[in-house]
């Protein structure tokens, strides 16, 4: 069982423990420069080569001195480790998140079309198993196991509030689109090791993947879905990034697409603000953050 984590030893002079190779940065002579870490953070390490070749995703037990980065004196590969010790994860129970998602779904999805499309995905155990382990992104927002579900719940909630407040004509469709807007991320990202973008993610991205998944569901549903419903749902998925410079193939052009876009933007922004808040003391300025485009006064 892993006992020492990055957050506990970051300021220690001598460091000993098990950490995952998150990224290999360079080779300097016979020294490998890498980022190693666990679910609580990471540190730059200088690792001397030995007979055991190390690669990204390996867990190694190291001894070293923390001077201008971690200077590793010796290491050996670990086996039989718990992957959950090395990947950041949602701080609250994922079951609570999924229960809230289900509660909103049961209350809001009344039409045959909405219930059928929802059930196609969320009555599928294989899909749900991947969804609950999904991440919101590598660095952008909700970048931890369970982050995809947490983000989805928040976007559904905000969409529901705006749909009712502004009397959206297609309230249930908007809320369902919010639930499905990022489903392509289960294929875009690999989470069975250091988080990375899959080959399909690199080639297509989660918006294209998500629309493909929705189209597959429509084919299985036959005559359940009207053409208007299909156009509106796919429009929300395609347009949820809002602007072309943000990676959106099309800017929003329906009421429900605008709502889903703004709900997505607000939650992503405030999740990032929450992460920035954790890096500085109250009454001080944070470092500049590219995602929110400013330093933040805490």
C-alpha atoms as a PDB file:
ATOM      1  CA  UNK A   1       0.000   0.000   0.000  1.00  0.00           C
ATOM      2  CA  UNK A   2       1.327   3.416  -0.944  1.00  0.00           C
ATOM      3  CA  UNK A   3       1.981   5.471   2.185  1.00  0.00           C
ATOM      4  CA  UNK A   4       3.829   8.606   1.031  1.00  0.00           C
ATOM      5  CA  UNK A   5       2.422  11.033  -1.504  1.00  0.00           C
ATOM      6  CA  UNK A   6       3.888  14.031  -3.322  1.00  0.00           C
ATOM      7  CA  UNK A   7       1.869  16.483  -1.226  1.00  0.00           C
ATOM      8  CA  UNK A   8       3.459  15.056   1.928  1.00  0.00           C
ATOM      9  CA  UNK A   9       7.083  15.107   0.817  1.00  0.00           C
ATOM     10  CA  UNK A  10       7.347  17.992  -1.660  1.00  0.00           C
ATOM     11  CA  UNK A  11       9.517  20.035   0.744  1.00  0.00           C
ATOM     12  CA  UNK A  12      11.470  17.134   2.213  1.00  0.00           C
ATOM     13  CA  UNK A  13      15.253  17.027   1.737  1.00  0.00           C
ATOM     14  CA  UNK A  14      15.378  13.263   1.286  1.00  0.00           C
ATOM     15  CA  UNK A  15      12.639  11.507  -0.610  1.00  0.00           C
ATOM     16  CA  UNK A  16      11.841   7.825  -0.708  1.00  0.00           C
ATOM     17  CA  UNK A  17       8.710   6.185  -2.077  1.00  0.00           C
ATOM     18  CA  UNK A  18       6.790   4.885  -5.081  1.00  0.00           C
ATOM     19  CA  UNK A  19       5.838   7.211  -7.926  1.00  0.00           C
ATOM     20  CA  UNK A  20       4.590   6.889 -11.489  1.00  0.00           C
ATOM     21  CA  UNK A  21       6.482   8.064 -14.560  1.00  0.00           C
ATOM     22  CA  UNK A  22       4.040  10.666 -15.888  1.00  0.00           C
ATOM     23  CA  UNK A  23       6.168  12.093 -18.698  1.00  0.00           C
ATOM     24  CA  UNK A  24       9.699  11.639 -20.050  1.00  0.00           C
ATOM     25  CA  UNK A  25      11.165  15.034 -20.896  1.00  0.00           C
ATOM     26  CA  UNK A  26      14.708  14.433 -22.079  1.00  0.00           C
ATOM     27  CA  UNK A  27      17.875  12.392 -21.826  1.00  0.00           C
ATOM     28  CA  UNK A  28      21.019  14.053 -20.499  1.00  0.00           C
ATOM     29  CA  UNK A  29      23.902  11.647 -20.976  1.00  0.00           C
ATOM     30  CA  UNK A  30      22.960   8.606 -18.925  1.00  0.00           C
ATOM     31  CA  UNK A  31      20.292  10.488 -16.975  1.00  0.00           C
ATOM     32  CA  UNK A  32      16.580  10.487 -17.788  1.00  0.00           C
ATOM     33  CA  UNK A  33      14.724  13.715 -17.015  1.00  0.00           C
ATOM     34  CA  UNK A  34      11.094  12.912 -16.199  1.00  0.00           C
ATOM     35  CA  UNK A  35       8.006  14.073 -14.389  1.00  0.00           C
ATOM     36  CA  UNK A  36       7.047  11.588 -11.692  1.00  0.00           C
ATOM     37  CA  UNK A  37       4.065  11.776  -9.380  1.00  0.00           C
ATOM     38  CA  UNK A  38       0.902  10.379  -7.914  1.00  0.00           C
ATOM     39  CA  UNK A  39      -2.695  11.445  -7.378  1.00  0.00           C
ATOM     40  CA  UNK A  40      -1.622  14.438  -5.274  1.00  0.00           C
ATOM     41  CA  UNK A  41       0.865  16.079  -7.612  1.00  0.00           C
ATOM     42  CA  UNK A  42       4.150  15.664  -9.456  1.00  0.00           C
ATOM     43  CA  UNK A  43       7.806  16.653  -9.381  1.00  0.00           C
ATOM     44  CA  UNK A  44      10.650  16.863 -11.879  1.00  0.00           C
ATOM     45  CA  UNK A  45      13.155  14.056 -11.380  1.00  0.00           C
ATOM     46  CA  UNK A  46      16.617  13.192 -12.691  1.00  0.00           C
ATOM     47  CA  UNK A  47      16.890   9.418 -12.900  1.00  0.00           C
ATOM     48  CA  UNK A  48      20.162   7.580 -13.660  1.00  0.00           C
ATOM     49  CA  UNK A  49      19.793   4.764 -16.182  1.00  0.00           C
ATOM     50  CA  UNK A  50      20.208   1.212 -14.951  1.00  0.00           C
ATOM     51  CA  UNK A  51      19.483  -2.203 -16.430  1.00  0.00           C
ATOM     52  CA  UNK A  52      15.730  -1.673 -15.999  1.00  0.00           C
ATOM     53  CA  UNK A  53      14.335   0.438 -18.833  1.00  0.00           C
ATOM     54  CA  UNK A  54      11.563   2.723 -17.622  1.00  0.00           C
ATOM     55  CA  UNK A  55       8.663   4.054 -19.672  1.00  0.00           C
ATOM     56  CA  UNK A  56       5.681   6.317 -19.127  1.00  0.00           C
ATOM     57  CA  UNK A  57       3.161   4.571 -16.884  1.00  0.00           C
ATOM     58  CA  UNK A  58       5.751   2.576 -14.939  1.00  0.00           C
ATOM     59  CA  UNK A  59       5.737   2.868 -11.151  1.00  0.00           C
ATOM     60  CA  UNK A  60       9.187   2.996  -9.574  1.00  0.00           C
ATOM     61  CA  UNK A  61      10.366   2.960  -5.978  1.00  0.00           C
ATOM     62  CA  UNK A  62      12.984   5.677  -5.638  1.00  0.00           C
ATOM     63  CA  UNK A  63      15.469   7.133  -3.190  1.00  0.00           C
ATOM     64  CA  UNK A  64      16.808  10.597  -3.779  1.00  0.00           C
ATOM     65  CA  UNK A  65      17.670  14.103  -2.687  1.00  0.00           C
ATOM     66  CA  UNK A  66      15.355  17.039  -3.376  1.00  0.00           C
ATOM     67  CA  UNK A  67      17.796  19.632  -4.742  1.00  0.00           C
ATOM     68  CA  UNK A  68      16.870  21.613  -7.894  1.00  0.00           C
ATOM     69  CA  UNK A  69      14.501  18.807  -8.728  1.00  0.00           C
ATOM     70  CA  UNK A  70      14.578  15.298  -7.375  1.00  0.00           C
ATOM     71  CA  UNK A  71      18.042  13.793  -7.834  1.00  0.00           C
ATOM     72  CA  UNK A  72      17.375  10.051  -7.784  1.00  0.00           C
ATOM     73  CA  UNK A  73      20.194   7.899  -6.456  1.00  0.00           C
ATOM     74  CA  UNK A  74      18.546   4.515  -6.992  1.00  0.00           C
ATOM     75  CA  UNK A  75      15.249   3.024  -8.138  1.00  0.00           C
ATOM     76  CA  UNK A  76      13.488  -0.222  -8.941  1.00  0.00           C
ATOM     77  CA  UNK A  77      10.254  -0.997 -10.757  1.00  0.00           C
ATOM     78  CA  UNK A  78       7.144  -1.777  -8.727  1.00  0.00           C
ATOM     79  CA  UNK A  79       4.489  -4.370  -9.564  1.00  0.00           C
ATOM     80  CA  UNK A  80       1.058  -5.024  -8.108  1.00  0.00           C
ATOM     81  CA  UNK A  81       0.342  -1.374  -7.387  1.00  0.00           C
ATOM     82  CA  UNK A  82      -3.095   0.251  -7.113  1.00  0.00           C
ATOM     83  CA  UNK A  83      -3.518   2.554 -10.109  1.00  0.00           C
ATOM     84  CA  UNK A  84      -5.932   4.740  -8.106  1.00  0.00           C
ATOM     85  CA  UNK A  85      -3.019   5.849  -5.899  1.00  0.00           C
ATOM     86  CA  UNK A  86      -1.352   7.507  -8.865  1.00  0.00           C
ATOM     87  CA  UNK A  87      -4.168   9.210 -10.764  1.00  0.00           C
ATOM     88  CA  UNK A  88      -6.004  12.305  -9.446  1.00  0.00           C
ATOM     89  CA  UNK A  89      -9.665  11.629  -8.753  1.00  0.00           C
ATOM     90  CA  UNK A  90     -12.876  13.348  -7.757  1.00  0.00           C
ATOM     91  CA  UNK A  91     -12.899  14.238  -4.050  1.00  0.00           C
ATOM     92  CA  UNK A  92     -16.575  13.342  -3.533  1.00  0.00           C
ATOM     93  CA  UNK A  93     -18.257   9.937  -4.045  1.00  0.00           C
ATOM     94  CA  UNK A  94     -18.945   9.301  -7.724  1.00  0.00           C
ATOM     95  CA  UNK A  95     -22.196   7.547  -6.747  1.00  0.00           C
ATOM     96  CA  UNK A  96     -23.519  10.848  -5.381  1.00  0.00           C
ATOM     97  CA  UNK A  97     -22.760  12.536  -8.701  1.00  0.00           C
ATOM     98  CA  UNK A  98     -24.478   9.804 -10.692  1.00  0.00           C
ATOM     99  CA  UNK A  99     -27.501   9.859  -8.361  1.00  0.00           C
ATOM    100  CA  UNK A 100     -27.940  13.595  -8.985  1.00  0.00           C
ATOM    101  CA  UNK A 101     -27.615  13.082 -12.734  1.00  0.00           C
ATOM    102  CA  UNK A 102     -30.272  10.365 -12.581  1.00  0.00           C
ATOM    103  CA  UNK A 103     -32.578  12.508 -10.455  1.00  0.00           C
ATOM    104  CA  UNK A 104     -32.522  15.379 -12.965  1.00  0.00           C
ATOM    105  CA  UNK A 105     -32.999  12.902 -15.813  1.00  0.00           C
ATOM    106  CA  UNK A 106     -36.053  11.264 -14.240  1.00  0.00           C
ATOM    107  CA  UNK A 107     -37.639  14.632 -13.505  1.00  0.00           C
ATOM    108  CA  UNK A 108     -36.974  16.278 -16.863  1.00  0.00           C
ATOM    109  CA  UNK A 109     -36.982  13.666 -19.630  1.00  0.00           C
ATOM    110  CA  UNK A 110     -40.634  13.103 -20.493  1.00  0.00           C
ATOM    111  CA  UNK A 111     -40.728  12.680 -24.284  1.00  0.00           C
ATOM    112  CA  UNK A 112     -40.240   9.280 -25.889  1.00  0.00           C
ATOM    113  CA  UNK A 113     -37.296  10.657 -27.873  1.00  0.00           C
ATOM    114  CA  UNK A 114     -35.438  12.021 -24.842  1.00  0.00           C
ATOM    115  CA  UNK A 115     -35.997   8.906 -22.761  1.00  0.00           C
ATOM    116  CA  UNK A 116     -34.924   6.596 -25.593  1.00  0.00           C
ATOM    117  CA  UNK A 117     -31.704   8.489 -26.362  1.00  0.00           C
ATOM    118  CA  UNK A 118     -30.842   8.801 -22.681  1.00  0.00           C
ATOM    119  CA  UNK A 119     -31.430   5.077 -22.091  1.00  0.00           C
ATOM    120  CA  UNK A 120     -29.363   4.095 -25.124  1.00  0.00           C
ATOM    121  CA  UNK A 121     -26.290   5.415 -23.343  1.00  0.00           C
ATOM    122  CA  UNK A 122     -27.040   5.396 -19.626  1.00  0.00           C
ATOM    123  CA  UNK A 123     -28.663   1.961 -19.487  1.00  0.00           C
ATOM    124  CA  UNK A 124     -25.522   0.568 -21.124  1.00  0.00           C
ATOM    125  CA  UNK A 125     -23.212  -0.697 -18.367  1.00  0.00           C
ATOM    126  CA  UNK A 126     -20.118  -0.630 -20.572  1.00  0.00           C
ATOM    127  CA  UNK A 127     -20.716   3.030 -21.427  1.00  0.00           C
ATOM    128  CA  UNK A 128     -21.471   4.016 -17.821  1.00  0.00           C
ATOM    129  CA  UNK A 129     -18.359   2.239 -16.513  1.00  0.00           C
ATOM    130  CA  UNK A 130     -16.215   4.353 -18.840  1.00  0.00           C
ATOM    131  CA  UNK A 131     -18.233   7.515 -18.211  1.00  0.00           C
ATOM    132  CA  UNK A 132     -17.713   7.441 -14.424  1.00  0.00           C
ATOM    133  CA  UNK A 133     -13.942   7.084 -14.902  1.00  0.00           C
ATOM    134  CA  UNK A 134     -13.798   9.787 -17.560  1.00  0.00           C
ATOM    135  CA  UNK A 135     -11.917  13.075 -17.260  1.00  0.00           C
ATOM    136  CA  UNK A 136     -12.905  16.543 -18.424  1.00  0.00           C
ATOM    137  CA  UNK A 137      -9.516  17.196 -20.040  1.00  0.00           C
ATOM    138  CA  UNK A 138      -5.781  16.873 -19.618  1.00  0.00           C
ATOM    139  CA  UNK A 139      -5.128  20.393 -18.322  1.00  0.00           C
ATOM    140  CA  UNK A 140      -8.177  22.505 -19.147  1.00  0.00           C
ATOM    141  CA  UNK A 141     -10.749  21.629 -16.462  1.00  0.00           C
ATOM    142  CA  UNK A 142     -12.054  18.656 -14.442  1.00  0.00           C
ATOM    143  CA  UNK A 143      -8.752  16.874 -15.156  1.00  0.00           C
ATOM    144  CA  UNK A 144      -9.243  13.984 -12.732  1.00  0.00           C
ATOM    145  CA  UNK A 145     -11.036  10.639 -12.628  1.00  0.00           C
ATOM    146  CA  UNK A 146     -14.755  11.361 -12.234  1.00  0.00           C
ATOM    147  CA  UNK A 147     -14.301  14.858 -13.657  1.00  0.00           C
ATOM    148  CA  UNK A 148     -16.398  14.078 -16.731  1.00  0.00           C
ATOM    149  CA  UNK A 149     -19.384  13.043 -14.609  1.00  0.00           C
ATOM    150  CA  UNK A 150     -18.993  16.039 -12.280  1.00  0.00           C
ATOM    151  CA  UNK A 151     -18.796  18.440 -15.231  1.00  0.00           C
ATOM    152  CA  UNK A 152     -21.801  16.779 -16.869  1.00  0.00           C
ATOM    153  CA  UNK A 153     -23.901  17.173 -13.730  1.00  0.00           C
ATOM    154  CA  UNK A 154     -22.989  20.845 -13.385  1.00  0.00           C
ATOM    155  CA  UNK A 155     -23.740  21.586 -17.039  1.00  0.00           C
ATOM    156  CA  UNK A 156     -27.098  19.795 -16.726  1.00  0.00           C
ATOM    157  CA  UNK A 157     -27.949  21.805 -13.611  1.00  0.00           C
ATOM    158  CA  UNK A 158     -26.998  25.151 -15.165  1.00  0.00           C
ATOM    159  CA  UNK A 159     -28.827  24.264 -18.377  1.00  0.00           C
ATOM    160  CA  UNK A 160     -31.954  23.406 -16.393  1.00  0.00           C
ATOM    161  CA  UNK A 161     -31.835  26.729 -14.526  1.00  0.00           C
ATOM    162  CA  UNK A 162     -31.403  28.756 -17.717  1.00  0.00           C
ATOM    163  CA  UNK A 163     -33.940  26.722 -19.696  1.00  0.00           C
ATOM    164  CA  UNK A 164     -36.637  27.436 -17.128  1.00  0.00           C
ATOM    165  CA  UNK A 165     -35.570  30.983 -16.367  1.00  0.00           C
ATOM    166  CA  UNK A 166     -35.651  31.988 -20.035  1.00  0.00           C
ATOM    167  CA  UNK A 167     -38.549  29.699 -20.968  1.00  0.00           C
ATOM    168  CA  UNK A 168     -36.642  27.655 -23.516  1.00  0.00           C
ATOM    169  CA  UNK A 169     -39.074  25.966 -25.891  1.00  0.00           C
ATOM    170  CA  UNK A 170     -37.191  22.642 -25.806  1.00  0.00           C
ATOM    171  CA  UNK A 171     -36.265  22.357 -22.141  1.00  0.00           C
ATOM    172  CA  UNK A 172     -35.945  18.572 -21.942  1.00  0.00           C
ATOM    173  CA  UNK A 173     -33.942  18.436 -25.170  1.00  0.00           C
ATOM    174  CA  UNK A 174     -31.559  21.130 -23.882  1.00  0.00           C
ATOM    175  CA  UNK A 175     -30.994  19.265 -20.607  1.00  0.00           C
ATOM    176  CA  UNK A 176     -30.443  15.977 -22.454  1.00  0.00           C
ATOM    177  CA  UNK A 177     -27.970  17.691 -24.798  1.00  0.00           C
ATOM    178  CA  UNK A 178     -26.133  18.974 -21.712  1.00  0.00           C
ATOM    179  CA  UNK A 179     -25.947  15.401 -20.436  1.00  0.00           C
ATOM    180  CA  UNK A 180     -24.560  14.144 -23.741  1.00  0.00           C
ATOM    181  CA  UNK A 181     -22.403  17.092 -24.800  1.00  0.00           C
ATOM    182  CA  UNK A 182     -19.062  15.546 -23.764  1.00  0.00           C
ATOM    183  CA  UNK A 183     -19.703  11.805 -24.182  1.00  0.00           C
ATOM    184  CA  UNK A 184     -17.009  11.705 -26.878  1.00  0.00           C
ATOM    185  CA  UNK A 185     -14.430  12.206 -24.133  1.00  0.00           C
ATOM    186  CA  UNK A 186     -14.708   8.564 -23.091  1.00  0.00           C
ATOM    187  CA  UNK A 187     -12.986   7.809 -26.417  1.00  0.00           C
ATOM    188  CA  UNK A 188     -10.854  10.954 -26.648  1.00  0.00           C
ATOM    189  CA  UNK A 189      -8.850  10.320 -23.479  1.00  0.00           C
ATOM    190  CA  UNK A 190      -6.986   7.342 -22.079  1.00  0.00           C
ATOM    191  CA  UNK A 191      -7.227   7.075 -18.279  1.00  0.00           C
ATOM    192  CA  UNK A 192      -5.603   3.692 -17.614  1.00  0.00           C
ATOM    193  CA  UNK A 193      -2.278   5.283 -16.807  1.00  0.00           C
ATOM    194  CA  UNK A 194      -1.001   8.865 -17.044  1.00  0.00           C
ATOM    195  CA  UNK A 195      -3.816  10.769 -18.731  1.00  0.00           C
ATOM    196  CA  UNK A 196      -3.276  11.061 -22.470  1.00  0.00           C
ATOM    197  CA  UNK A 197      -5.112  11.666 -25.728  1.00  0.00           C
ATOM    198  CA  UNK A 198      -5.981   8.503 -27.639  1.00  0.00           C
ATOM    199  CA  UNK A 199      -5.223   8.105 -31.328  1.00  0.00           C
ATOM    200  CA  UNK A 200      -8.922   8.571 -32.097  1.00  0.00           C
ATOM    201  CA  UNK A 201      -8.935  11.658 -29.917  1.00  0.00           C
ATOM    202  CA  UNK A 202      -5.970  13.118 -31.786  1.00  0.00           C
ATOM    203  CA  UNK A 203      -7.557  12.421 -35.170  1.00  0.00           C
ATOM    204  CA  UNK A 204     -11.180  13.355 -34.457  1.00  0.00           C
ATOM    205  CA  UNK A 205     -11.640  15.084 -31.092  1.00  0.00           C
ATOM    206  CA  UNK A 206     -14.541  14.616 -28.697  1.00  0.00           C
ATOM    207  CA  UNK A 207     -17.055  16.709 -30.645  1.00  0.00           C
ATOM    208  CA  UNK A 208     -16.780  14.612 -33.794  1.00  0.00           C
ATOM    209  CA  UNK A 209     -16.650  11.409 -31.739  1.00  0.00           C
ATOM    210  CA  UNK A 210     -19.717  12.487 -29.756  1.00  0.00           C
ATOM    211  CA  UNK A 211     -21.751  13.252 -32.878  1.00  0.00           C
ATOM    212  CA  UNK A 212     -20.771   9.861 -34.306  1.00  0.00           C
ATOM    213  CA  UNK A 213     -21.973   8.159 -31.121  1.00  0.00           C
ATOM    214  CA  UNK A 214     -25.266  10.078 -31.280  1.00  0.00           C
ATOM    215  CA  UNK A 215     -25.774   9.113 -34.937  1.00  0.00           C
ATOM    216  CA  UNK A 216     -25.211   5.448 -34.048  1.00  0.00           C
ATOM    217  CA  UNK A 217     -27.904   5.761 -31.388  1.00  0.00           C
ATOM    218  CA  UNK A 218     -30.310   7.312 -33.905  1.00  0.00           C
ATOM    219  CA  UNK A 219     -29.738   4.430 -36.322  1.00  0.00           C
ATOM    220  CA  UNK A 220     -30.527   1.898 -33.594  1.00  0.00           C
ATOM    221  CA  UNK A 221     -33.665   3.850 -32.635  1.00  0.00           C
ATOM    222  CA  UNK A 222     -35.253   3.652 -36.048  1.00  0.00           C
ATOM    223  CA  UNK A 223     -38.387   5.762 -36.345  1.00  0.00           C
ATOM    224  CA  UNK A 224     -38.389   6.904 -32.703  1.00  0.00           C
ATOM    225  CA  UNK A 225     -36.599  10.139 -33.509  1.00  0.00           C
ATOM    226  CA  UNK A 226     -37.953  13.002 -35.596  1.00  0.00           C
ATOM    227  CA  UNK A 227     -35.642  14.820 -37.993  1.00  0.00           C
ATOM    228  CA  UNK A 228     -36.099  18.024 -35.979  1.00  0.00           C
ATOM    229  CA  UNK A 229     -35.028  16.280 -32.765  1.00  0.00           C
ATOM    230  CA  UNK A 230     -31.959  14.801 -34.451  1.00  0.00           C
ATOM    231  CA  UNK A 231     -30.882  18.129 -35.910  1.00  0.00           C
ATOM    232  CA  UNK A 232     -31.308  19.962 -32.607  1.00  0.00           C
ATOM    233  CA  UNK A 233     -29.457  17.401 -30.476  1.00  0.00           C
ATOM    234  CA  UNK A 234     -26.563  17.131 -32.898  1.00  0.00           C
ATOM    235  CA  UNK A 235     -26.471  20.930 -33.202  1.00  0.00           C
ATOM    236  CA  UNK A 236     -25.982  21.256 -29.443  1.00  0.00           C
ATOM    237  CA  UNK A 237     -23.114  18.743 -29.474  1.00  0.00           C
ATOM    238  CA  UNK A 238     -21.416  20.343 -32.482  1.00  0.00           C
ATOM    239  CA  UNK A 239     -21.827  23.907 -31.190  1.00  0.00           C
ATOM    240  CA  UNK A 240     -21.166  23.596 -27.462  1.00  0.00           C
ATOM    241  CA  UNK A 241     -17.683  25.196 -27.600  1.00  0.00           C
ATOM    242  CA  UNK A 242     -19.336  28.348 -28.875  1.00  0.00           C
ATOM    243  CA  UNK A 243     -16.747  29.833 -31.198  1.00  0.00           C
ATOM    244  CA  UNK A 244     -14.617  28.430 -33.969  1.00  0.00           C
ATOM    245  CA  UNK A 245     -11.452  29.650 -32.214  1.00  0.00           C
ATOM    246  CA  UNK A 246     -12.495  27.534 -29.217  1.00  0.00           C
ATOM    247  CA  UNK A 247     -12.707  24.421 -31.386  1.00  0.00           C
ATOM    248  CA  UNK A 248     -16.400  24.634 -32.277  1.00  0.00           C
ATOM    249  CA  UNK A 249     -17.181  23.554 -35.864  1.00  0.00           C
ATOM    250  CA  UNK A 250     -20.177  25.908 -35.773  1.00  0.00           C
ATOM    251  CA  UNK A 251     -21.235  28.777 -33.533  1.00  0.00           C
ATOM    252  CA  UNK A 252     -24.559  28.273 -31.676  1.00  0.00           C
ATOM    253  CA  UNK A 253     -27.641  28.943 -33.796  1.00  0.00           C
ATOM    254  CA  UNK A 254     -30.503  27.573 -31.670  1.00  0.00           C
ATOM    255  CA  UNK A 255     -31.796  28.654 -28.286  1.00  0.00           C
ATOM    256  CA  UNK A 256     -30.890  25.347 -26.665  1.00  0.00           C
ATOM    257  CA  UNK A 257     -27.393  25.346 -28.197  1.00  0.00           C
ATOM    258  CA  UNK A 258     -26.682  28.778 -26.700  1.00  0.00           C
ATOM    259  CA  UNK A 259     -27.834  27.557 -23.283  1.00  0.00           C
ATOM    260  CA  UNK A 260     -25.679  24.410 -23.381  1.00  0.00           C
ATOM    261  CA  UNK A 261     -22.676  26.423 -24.570  1.00  0.00           C
ATOM    262  CA  UNK A 262     -22.909  28.993 -21.772  1.00  0.00           C
ATOM    263  CA  UNK A 263     -23.534  26.300 -19.145  1.00  0.00           C
ATOM    264  CA  UNK A 264     -20.447  24.439 -20.376  1.00  0.00           C
ATOM    265  CA  UNK A 265     -18.330  27.614 -20.423  1.00  0.00           C
ATOM    266  CA  UNK A 266     -19.375  28.722 -16.931  1.00  0.00           C
ATOM    267  CA  UNK A 267     -18.694  25.355 -15.309  1.00  0.00           C
ATOM    268  CA  UNK A 268     -15.339  24.881 -17.054  1.00  0.00           C
ATOM    269  CA  UNK A 269     -14.275  28.384 -16.022  1.00  0.00           C
ATOM    270  CA  UNK A 270     -15.242  28.053 -12.378  1.00  0.00           C
ATOM    271  CA  UNK A 271     -13.680  24.632 -12.071  1.00  0.00           C
ATOM    272  CA  UNK A 272     -10.418  26.175 -13.272  1.00  0.00           C
ATOM    273  CA  UNK A 273     -10.846  29.110 -10.875  1.00  0.00           C
ATOM    274  CA  UNK A 274     -11.279  26.579  -8.069  1.00  0.00           C
ATOM    275  CA  UNK A 275      -8.004  24.923  -9.021  1.00  0.00           C
ATOM    276  CA  UNK A 276      -6.205  28.268  -9.170  1.00  0.00           C
ATOM    277  CA  UNK A 277      -7.559  29.154  -5.700  1.00  0.00           C
ATOM    278  CA  UNK A 278      -5.795  26.096  -4.317  1.00  0.00           C
ATOM    279  CA  UNK A 279      -2.400  27.382  -5.480  1.00  0.00           C
ATOM    280  CA  UNK A 280      -2.263  30.651  -3.540  1.00  0.00           C
ATOM    281  CA  UNK A 281      -2.993  32.002  -0.091  1.00  0.00           C
ATOM    282  CA  UNK A 282      -5.999  34.290   0.569  1.00  0.00           C
ATOM    283  CA  UNK A 283      -5.112  37.932  -0.021  1.00  0.00           C
ATOM    284  CA  UNK A 284      -2.413  37.142  -2.602  1.00  0.00           C
ATOM    285  CA  UNK A 285      -2.253  36.938  -6.388  1.00  0.00           C
ATOM    286  CA  UNK A 286      -2.072  33.615  -8.187  1.00  0.00           C
ATOM    287  CA  UNK A 287       0.204  32.918 -11.125  1.00  0.00           C
ATOM    288  CA  UNK A 288      -1.178  33.804 -14.569  1.00  0.00           C
ATOM    289  CA  UNK A 289      -3.526  31.091 -15.810  1.00  0.00           C
ATOM    290  CA  UNK A 290      -3.960  30.694 -19.557  1.00  0.00           C
ATOM    291  CA  UNK A 291      -7.409  29.089 -19.288  1.00  0.00           C
ATOM    292  CA  UNK A 292      -9.009  32.049 -17.487  1.00  0.00           C
ATOM    293  CA  UNK A 293      -6.681  34.588 -19.095  1.00  0.00           C
ATOM    294  CA  UNK A 294      -5.573  36.391 -15.941  1.00  0.00           C
ATOM    295  CA  UNK A 295      -3.936  36.211 -12.551  1.00  0.00           C
ATOM    296  CA  UNK A 296      -6.516  35.776  -9.826  1.00  0.00           C
ATOM    297  CA  UNK A 297      -6.686  37.726  -6.575  1.00  0.00           C
ATOM    298  CA  UNK A 298      -7.517  35.119  -3.966  1.00  0.00           C
END
